[in-house]
Amino acid sequence: MPSQKTMRAVAIKNNSGPADALYIDTIPLPEVQPSQALVKVKAFGLNRMDLLQREGQYPVPPQAPSTLGVEFSGTISELGEGCKDDFKVGDEVFGLAYGGAYAEYIAVSTGMLIHKPKEIGWEEAAGIPETWITATQALHLVGAFQKGNSVLWHAGASSVSIAGIQLAKAAGASAIYVTAGSDEKIDFCVKQLGATAGFNYRTQNWAEELSKATGGKGVDVIVDYIGAGYFQDNLKSAALDGRIVNLAFLGGVKVEGPVDISYFLRKRVRFEGSTLRSRDEGYQRKLRDTVVENALEKLKTGEFKVFVEKVFSWEDVVEAHKLMESNQTKGKIICTI
C-alpha cells in the first residue's frame, strides 16, 4: 500500500487543447472503493479516444476521472473491501478502466482486471485490453460472426483491426479483407497478419476492388470506423444478410449527396453502432471473460501478437500523442512509467 497521499499524472493545461497542452501534474492518490484495486501502473496504451478527449470532443462517462487513459498494466498495491475475484496485493495485472490510466496509480474494479502471464511483457500487456476487447465485441458480439463468414476490417493497420484480423482468422473466416492508406500497411496486413487481400483507399476504389475479389457477393461482416465517408460503399459491399458494425466517425457524421438505402431491404443488411467505454461494468466484464477465453492463451504462446509501434517514457507523452495524430503507425503506441 503506498504511503503517499499524492501521485503524478498527465494533465491538460486549461482542461483541453493540442498535444502540447499535456504535462505531468501532482494530484491526489485515488481512493479505493469496495471491489476495487489500486494498481501501480507500469505502462499504459494510447487510443484515438484519448486524442478526442484531450481536445474536449469525447463524451466521457460520468464515473471516469478527468485523467486520460483506459488501458494499463501494473501491480496491485491495495485491495478494497469485498473483492470477490482471485486477486491479491502484489499480483501482476493488466486491464480496462473508464479513465485514469495516464498516472502512477489507478483505482479500478477487479472485475476489469486480468492476471498478466509472465510470457507477456508490460508494454504488450498495456496494449491488449481496449484493443482486443473492442475487436472481440465488434466481431463476435455485434457482428455475430459465424465460422466460414468473410470479414472486411477498415483501417486494417489500426490496433483494433490488427487484433480483429487475428481473431477472425482463428475463428475460421473464409476470407479477411482490409482497407488502409498505404501499400506498406496493406503488405503488413496480408503478409504478416494473414489477411486475404487489402485495398489502398488512396489509390484504389476499394468498394469496386472488393466486389471483384468477392465475385460481386460482398462480405458478411464489415467493421467500420469511418462513418459517413464510407456509408454508401459499406452498404454496397455487404453480402446478403450482411452486418455492418460502426465504431467511429473518422470520415464525418453527415452523409453527403443522394444515398441509396434500398440495400437494407434487398440484402437484408443490419447496420449497428457500438461503443465500449459507455457500457456498464457487467457488459465490459463479460467481454473481458470472452477475451480471456478466446485470446489469452494464444497471446501467451505468441500465436496472437500485440504489435507495438513505439514505446515512449510517459514524460514524452506529447511526442506519443503527436505520433498517433500522424496516422503513420501500425499497432500500439505505449507509454511506460
Protein backbone atom coordinates (compact mmCIF):
# COMPACT_ATOMS: atom_id res chain seq x y z
CA MET A 1 0.00 0.00 0.00
CA PRO A 2 1.50 3.38 -0.98
CA SER A 3 2.40 5.62 1.94
CA GLN A 4 1.96 8.87 -0.01
CA LYS A 5 -1.31 10.80 -0.48
CA THR A 6 -0.47 12.21 -3.91
CA MET A 7 0.79 10.89 -7.24
CA ARG A 8 1.95 12.18 -10.59
CA ALA A 9 -0.46 12.07 -13.54
CA VAL A 10 -0.73 13.51 -17.04
CA ALA A 11 -2.95 16.59 -17.07
CA ILE A 12 -4.13 19.02 -19.79
CA LYS A 13 -3.49 22.75 -19.50
CA ASN A 14 -6.86 24.56 -19.38
CA ASN A 15 -8.56 21.09 -19.47
CA SER A 16 -8.42 20.74 -23.27
CA GLY A 17 -6.12 21.52 -26.15
CA PRO A 18 -3.47 20.23 -28.58
CA ALA A 19 -0.83 17.62 -27.74
CA ASP A 20 1.46 20.39 -26.42
CA ALA A 21 -1.11 21.08 -23.67
CA LEU A 22 -0.22 17.77 -21.95
CA TYR A 23 2.02 17.93 -18.88
CA ILE A 24 2.72 15.93 -15.72
CA ASP A 25 1.00 17.26 -12.61
CA THR A 26 0.71 16.16 -8.98
CA ILE A 27 -2.82 15.11 -8.00
CA PRO A 28 -4.43 13.25 -5.06
CA LEU A 29 -3.98 9.48 -4.97
CA PRO A 30 -7.34 7.84 -5.91
CA GLU A 31 -9.31 6.35 -3.03
CA VAL A 32 -10.02 2.65 -3.39
CA GLN A 33 -13.73 1.85 -3.28
CA PRO A 34 -15.20 -1.56 -2.36
CA SER A 35 -14.50 -4.22 -5.04
CA GLN A 36 -11.70 -2.09 -6.49
CA ALA A 37 -7.92 -2.50 -6.64
CA LEU A 38 -5.32 0.23 -6.56
CA VAL A 39 -2.83 -0.64 -9.29
CA LYS A 40 0.67 0.84 -9.53
CA VAL A 41 0.89 1.50 -13.27
CA LYS A 42 3.88 0.18 -15.24
CA ALA A 43 2.65 1.05 -18.74
CA PHE A 44 -0.43 2.43 -20.49
CA GLY A 45 -1.72 2.30 -24.07
CA LEU A 46 -2.78 5.22 -26.25
CA ASN A 47 -6.11 5.18 -28.08
CA ARG A 48 -7.76 7.54 -30.56
CA MET A 49 -10.40 8.44 -27.99
CA ASP A 50 -7.57 9.94 -25.88
CA LEU A 51 -6.88 12.47 -28.66
CA LEU A 52 -10.57 13.38 -28.87
CA GLN A 53 -10.90 13.61 -25.08
CA ARG A 54 -7.80 15.81 -24.89
CA GLU A 55 -9.47 18.19 -27.36
CA GLY A 56 -12.73 18.18 -25.37
CA GLN A 57 -14.62 16.30 -28.10
CA TYR A 58 -15.29 12.99 -26.37
CA PRO A 59 -18.33 12.25 -24.16
CA VAL A 60 -16.58 10.96 -21.04
CA PRO A 61 -18.67 8.57 -18.89
CA PRO A 62 -19.76 10.09 -15.55
CA GLN A 63 -17.74 7.63 -13.45
CA ALA A 64 -14.46 8.44 -15.26
CA PRO A 65 -11.79 10.61 -13.61
CA SER A 66 -10.53 13.60 -15.62
CA THR A 67 -7.17 11.88 -16.23
CA LEU A 68 -6.86 10.29 -19.70
CA GLY A 69 -6.27 6.61 -20.43
CA VAL A 70 -8.35 3.43 -20.39
CA GLU A 71 -5.81 0.56 -20.60
CA PHE A 72 -2.79 -0.25 -18.49
CA SER A 73 -0.57 -2.89 -16.92
CA GLY A 74 0.88 -2.88 -13.41
CA THR A 75 0.92 -4.44 -9.94
CA ILE A 76 -1.82 -4.42 -7.32
CA SER A 77 -0.76 -2.34 -4.34
CA GLU A 78 -4.05 -2.29 -2.40
CA LEU A 79 -7.45 -4.03 -2.46
CA GLY A 80 -10.76 -2.52 -1.43
CA GLU A 81 -13.30 -4.31 0.74
CA GLY A 82 -15.43 -7.07 -0.73
CA CYS A 83 -13.14 -8.08 -3.63
CA LYS A 84 -14.54 -11.44 -4.70
CA ASP A 85 -12.11 -12.04 -7.57
CA ASP A 86 -8.93 -14.08 -7.16
CA PHE A 87 -6.58 -11.11 -6.86
CA LYS A 88 -4.13 -10.28 -4.11
CA VAL A 89 -1.67 -7.49 -3.35
CA GLY A 90 1.46 -7.87 -5.48
CA ASP A 91 -0.28 -9.58 -8.42
CA GLU A 92 0.81 -8.54 -11.89
CA VAL A 93 -2.24 -7.49 -13.89
CA PHE A 94 -3.50 -5.60 -16.93
CA GLY A 95 -6.94 -4.20 -17.51
CA LEU A 96 -9.53 -1.77 -18.78
CA ALA A 97 -10.75 1.34 -16.94
CA TYR A 98 -13.22 4.16 -17.57
CA GLY A 99 -10.25 6.55 -17.37
CA GLY A 100 -7.24 7.47 -15.24
CA ALA A 101 -4.51 5.24 -16.74
CA TYR A 102 -2.08 8.10 -17.57
CA ALA A 103 -0.93 8.13 -13.94
CA GLU A 104 1.31 6.42 -11.39
CA TYR A 105 -1.70 4.72 -9.78
CA ILE A 106 -5.21 3.83 -10.92
CA ALA A 107 -8.24 2.65 -8.92
CA VAL A 108 -10.20 0.12 -10.95
CA SER A 109 -12.80 -2.61 -10.46
CA THR A 110 -11.20 -6.04 -10.05
CA GLY A 111 -13.88 -7.23 -12.50
CA MET A 112 -11.93 -5.46 -15.26
CA LEU A 113 -8.51 -6.89 -14.39
CA ILE A 114 -6.74 -9.87 -15.98
CA HIS A 115 -3.79 -11.73 -14.47
CA LYS A 116 -0.69 -10.96 -16.56
CA PRO A 117 1.05 -14.15 -17.72
CA LYS A 118 4.84 -13.98 -17.33
CA GLU A 119 5.19 -14.65 -21.09
CA ILE A 120 3.63 -11.24 -21.89
CA GLY A 121 5.73 -8.11 -21.28
CA TRP A 122 4.42 -5.00 -19.52
CA GLU A 123 4.30 -2.97 -22.76
CA GLU A 124 2.38 -5.62 -24.72
CA ALA A 125 0.00 -6.22 -21.80
CA ALA A 126 -0.86 -2.50 -21.66
CA GLY A 127 -1.84 -2.67 -25.34
CA ILE A 128 -4.26 -5.59 -25.02
CA PRO A 129 -7.38 -4.52 -23.05
CA GLU A 130 -9.11 -1.78 -25.10
CA THR A 131 -7.91 -3.18 -28.41
CA TRP A 132 -8.70 -6.88 -28.04
CA ILE A 133 -11.94 -6.28 -26.14
CA THR A 134 -13.18 -3.86 -28.85
CA ALA A 135 -12.21 -6.28 -31.65
CA THR A 136 -13.94 -9.17 -29.85
CA GLN A 137 -17.06 -7.06 -29.31
CA ALA A 138 -17.17 -5.94 -32.97
CA LEU A 139 -16.59 -9.38 -34.48
CA HIS A 140 -18.46 -11.74 -32.18
CA LEU A 141 -20.99 -9.80 -30.13
CA VAL A 142 -22.22 -7.14 -32.57
CA GLY A 143 -21.04 -8.65 -35.87
CA ALA A 144 -22.49 -12.10 -34.97
CA PHE A 145 -19.58 -13.76 -36.78
CA GLN A 146 -20.03 -17.42 -37.72
CA LYS A 147 -17.32 -19.81 -38.87
CA GLY A 148 -16.96 -19.52 -42.64
CA ASN A 149 -18.08 -15.87 -42.78
CA SER A 150 -15.99 -13.31 -44.67
CA VAL A 151 -14.90 -10.07 -42.96
CA LEU A 152 -13.76 -6.59 -44.01
CA TRP A 153 -11.74 -4.58 -41.49
CA HIS A 154 -11.38 -0.92 -42.42
CA ALA A 155 -8.22 0.82 -41.12
CA GLY A 156 -6.51 -2.56 -41.34
CA ALA A 157 -3.28 -1.46 -39.64
CA SER A 158 -5.06 0.11 -36.65
CA SER A 159 -4.65 -1.74 -33.36
CA VAL A 160 -8.28 -2.93 -33.21
CA SER A 161 -8.17 -4.26 -36.78
CA ILE A 162 -4.78 -5.94 -36.18
CA ALA A 163 -6.39 -7.82 -33.27
CA GLY A 164 -9.55 -8.38 -35.32
CA ILE A 165 -7.74 -9.92 -38.30
CA GLN A 166 -6.06 -12.42 -35.96
CA LEU A 167 -9.34 -13.21 -34.15
CA ALA A 168 -11.23 -13.70 -37.44
CA LYS A 169 -8.51 -15.98 -38.80
CA ALA A 170 -8.50 -18.11 -35.63
CA ALA A 171 -12.33 -18.30 -35.67
CA GLY A 172 -12.38 -19.74 -39.21
CA ALA A 173 -13.15 -16.79 -41.51
CA SER A 174 -13.40 -17.81 -45.18
CA ALA A 175 -11.74 -14.54 -46.26
CA ILE A 176 -10.42 -11.44 -44.49
CA TYR A 177 -10.14 -8.13 -46.38
CA VAL A 178 -8.74 -4.79 -45.24
CA THR A 179 -8.56 -1.19 -46.37
CA ALA A 180 -5.61 1.06 -45.45
CA GLY A 181 -3.95 4.28 -46.60
CA SER A 182 -0.61 2.92 -47.82
CA ASP A 183 0.76 -0.09 -49.70
CA GLU A 184 3.12 -0.68 -46.77
CA LYS A 185 0.16 -1.07 -44.42
CA ILE A 186 -1.63 -3.39 -46.89
CA ASP A 187 1.52 -5.56 -47.15
CA PHE A 188 1.75 -5.70 -43.36
CA CYS A 189 -1.89 -6.88 -43.08
CA VAL A 190 -1.56 -9.50 -45.82
CA LYS A 191 1.99 -10.79 -45.30
CA GLN A 192 2.37 -10.51 -41.53
CA LEU A 193 -1.20 -10.92 -40.28
CA GLY A 194 -2.60 -13.25 -42.94
CA ALA A 195 -5.37 -11.10 -44.42
CA THR A 196 -6.62 -12.43 -47.78
CA ALA A 197 -6.25 -9.11 -49.65
CA GLY A 198 -6.15 -5.37 -48.99
CA PHE A 199 -7.14 -2.21 -50.84
CA ASN A 200 -5.37 1.16 -50.67
CA TYR A 201 -8.18 3.70 -50.41
CA ARG A 202 -5.86 6.49 -51.60
CA THR A 203 -5.06 4.83 -54.94
CA GLN A 204 -7.94 2.37 -55.47
CA ASN A 205 -11.72 2.37 -55.36
CA TRP A 206 -11.85 -0.13 -52.51
CA ALA A 207 -15.55 -0.96 -52.93
CA GLU A 208 -15.08 -1.85 -56.62
CA GLU A 209 -11.96 -3.91 -55.87
CA LEU A 210 -13.75 -5.75 -53.04
CA SER A 211 -16.68 -6.51 -55.36
CA LYS A 212 -14.24 -8.01 -57.90
CA ALA A 213 -12.45 -10.01 -55.18
CA THR A 214 -15.73 -11.50 -53.92
CA GLY A 215 -17.29 -12.09 -57.35
CA GLY A 216 -19.91 -9.44 -56.57
CA LYS A 217 -21.11 -11.23 -53.41
CA GLY A 218 -19.67 -8.80 -50.86
CA VAL A 219 -18.69 -9.70 -47.29
CA ASP A 220 -20.65 -10.95 -44.28
CA VAL A 221 -19.20 -8.66 -41.60
CA ILE A 222 -17.82 -5.13 -42.11
CA VAL A 223 -16.12 -3.34 -39.20
CA ASP A 224 -16.07 0.40 -39.89
CA TYR A 225 -14.51 3.42 -38.14
CA ILE A 226 -15.07 5.92 -40.97
CA GLY A 227 -18.80 6.58 -40.75
CA ALA A 228 -20.34 8.99 -43.27
CA GLY A 229 -17.49 8.76 -45.80
CA TYR A 230 -17.98 5.02 -46.27
CA PHE A 231 -21.71 4.71 -45.59
CA GLN A 232 -22.83 4.07 -49.18
CA ASP A 233 -19.86 1.88 -50.13
CA ASN A 234 -20.34 -0.22 -46.99
CA LEU A 235 -23.97 -0.87 -47.97
CA LYS A 236 -22.82 -1.84 -51.48
CA SER A 237 -20.09 -4.10 -50.06
CA ALA A 238 -22.25 -6.06 -47.62
CA ALA A 239 -23.28 -9.59 -48.59
CA LEU A 240 -26.84 -10.91 -48.31
CA ASP A 241 -27.73 -10.80 -44.58
CA GLY A 242 -24.51 -8.80 -44.02
CA ARG A 243 -23.74 -6.97 -40.79
CA ILE A 244 -22.04 -3.54 -40.69
CA VAL A 245 -20.54 -2.65 -37.31
CA ASN A 246 -19.83 1.07 -36.90
CA LEU A 247 -17.35 2.01 -34.17
CA ALA A 248 -16.26 5.59 -35.04
CA PHE A 249 -16.74 8.57 -37.37
CA LEU A 250 -13.26 9.39 -38.67
CA GLY A 251 -14.85 10.29 -42.03
CA GLY A 252 -17.57 12.53 -40.59
CA VAL A 253 -21.14 12.12 -39.38
CA LYS A 254 -23.16 13.70 -42.20
CA VAL A 255 -23.60 11.65 -45.38
CA GLU A 256 -23.26 13.96 -48.43
CA GLY A 257 -25.31 13.65 -51.61
CA PRO A 258 -28.00 11.13 -52.56
CA VAL A 259 -27.82 7.78 -50.76
CA ASP A 260 -29.41 4.55 -51.96
CA ILE A 261 -30.76 2.81 -48.87
CA SER A 262 -32.52 0.05 -50.83
CA TYR A 263 -29.61 -2.24 -49.94
CA PHE A 264 -31.04 -2.52 -46.42
CA LEU A 265 -34.04 -4.42 -47.83
CA ARG A 266 -32.53 -6.01 -50.93
CA LYS A 267 -29.67 -7.54 -48.94
CA ARG A 268 -31.35 -7.61 -45.51
CA VAL A 269 -28.38 -5.64 -44.17
CA ARG A 270 -28.04 -4.91 -40.46
CA PHE A 271 -26.21 -1.69 -39.57
CA GLU A 272 -25.37 -1.32 -35.89
CA GLY A 273 -23.29 1.19 -33.98
CA SER A 274 -21.49 0.22 -30.82
CA THR A 275 -19.31 1.71 -28.09
CA LEU A 276 -17.33 0.16 -25.26
CA ARG A 277 -16.42 2.89 -22.79
CA SER A 278 -20.01 3.99 -22.15
CA ARG A 279 -21.11 0.42 -21.33
CA ASP A 280 -21.85 -0.73 -17.81
CA GLU A 281 -19.34 -2.83 -15.94
CA GLY A 282 -21.33 -6.06 -16.30
CA TYR A 283 -21.21 -5.79 -20.11
CA GLN A 284 -17.48 -4.97 -20.09
CA ARG A 285 -16.78 -7.79 -17.69
CA LYS A 286 -18.50 -10.32 -19.98
CA LEU A 287 -16.28 -9.12 -22.82
CA ARG A 288 -13.20 -9.38 -20.59
CA ASP A 289 -14.13 -13.02 -19.91
CA THR A 290 -14.56 -13.66 -23.66
CA VAL A 291 -11.09 -12.25 -24.34
CA VAL A 292 -9.61 -14.42 -21.56
CA GLU A 293 -11.30 -17.49 -23.08
CA ASN A 294 -10.60 -16.75 -26.76
CA ALA A 295 -7.32 -14.88 -26.81
CA LEU A 296 -5.24 -15.06 -23.61
CA GLU A 297 -3.72 -18.49 -24.22
CA LYS A 298 -2.85 -17.58 -27.83
CA LEU A 299 -1.34 -14.27 -26.68
CA LYS A 300 0.71 -16.25 -24.15
CA THR A 301 2.06 -18.68 -26.75
CA GLY A 302 2.69 -15.96 -29.32
CA GLU A 303 0.12 -17.29 -31.80
CA PHE A 304 -1.66 -13.96 -31.33
CA LYS A 305 0.66 -10.95 -31.41
CA VAL A 306 0.38 -7.47 -29.94
CA PHE A 307 2.15 -5.20 -32.43
CA VAL A 308 3.77 -2.26 -30.63
CA GLU A 309 4.88 0.54 -32.97
CA LYS A 310 6.79 2.53 -30.36
CA VAL A 311 7.33 2.74 -26.61
CA PHE A 312 7.77 6.17 -25.02
CA SER A 313 8.60 7.23 -21.48
CA TRP A 314 5.40 8.82 -20.17
CA GLU A 315 7.39 12.03 -19.75
CA ASP A 316 7.36 12.15 -23.58
CA VAL A 317 3.57 11.82 -23.77
CA VAL A 318 3.38 14.93 -26.00
CA GLU A 319 5.52 13.19 -28.67
CA ALA A 320 3.47 9.99 -28.25
CA HIS A 321 0.22 11.89 -28.97
CA LYS A 322 1.78 13.64 -31.96
CA LEU A 323 2.88 10.28 -33.39
CA MET A 324 -0.66 8.92 -33.08
CA GLU A 325 -2.03 12.05 -34.79
CA SER A 326 0.32 11.49 -37.74
CA ASN A 327 -1.63 8.33 -38.79
CA GLN A 328 1.67 6.70 -39.76
CA THR A 329 1.61 3.89 -37.21
CA LYS A 330 0.88 0.17 -37.39
CA GLY A 331 -0.20 -1.10 -34.00
CA LYS A 332 0.03 0.28 -30.48
CA ILE A 333 1.80 3.27 -29.01
CA ILE A 334 2.70 2.58 -25.36
CA CYS A 335 4.00 4.81 -22.57
CA THR A 336 5.94 3.39 -19.60
CA ILE A 337 6.18 4.87 -16.12
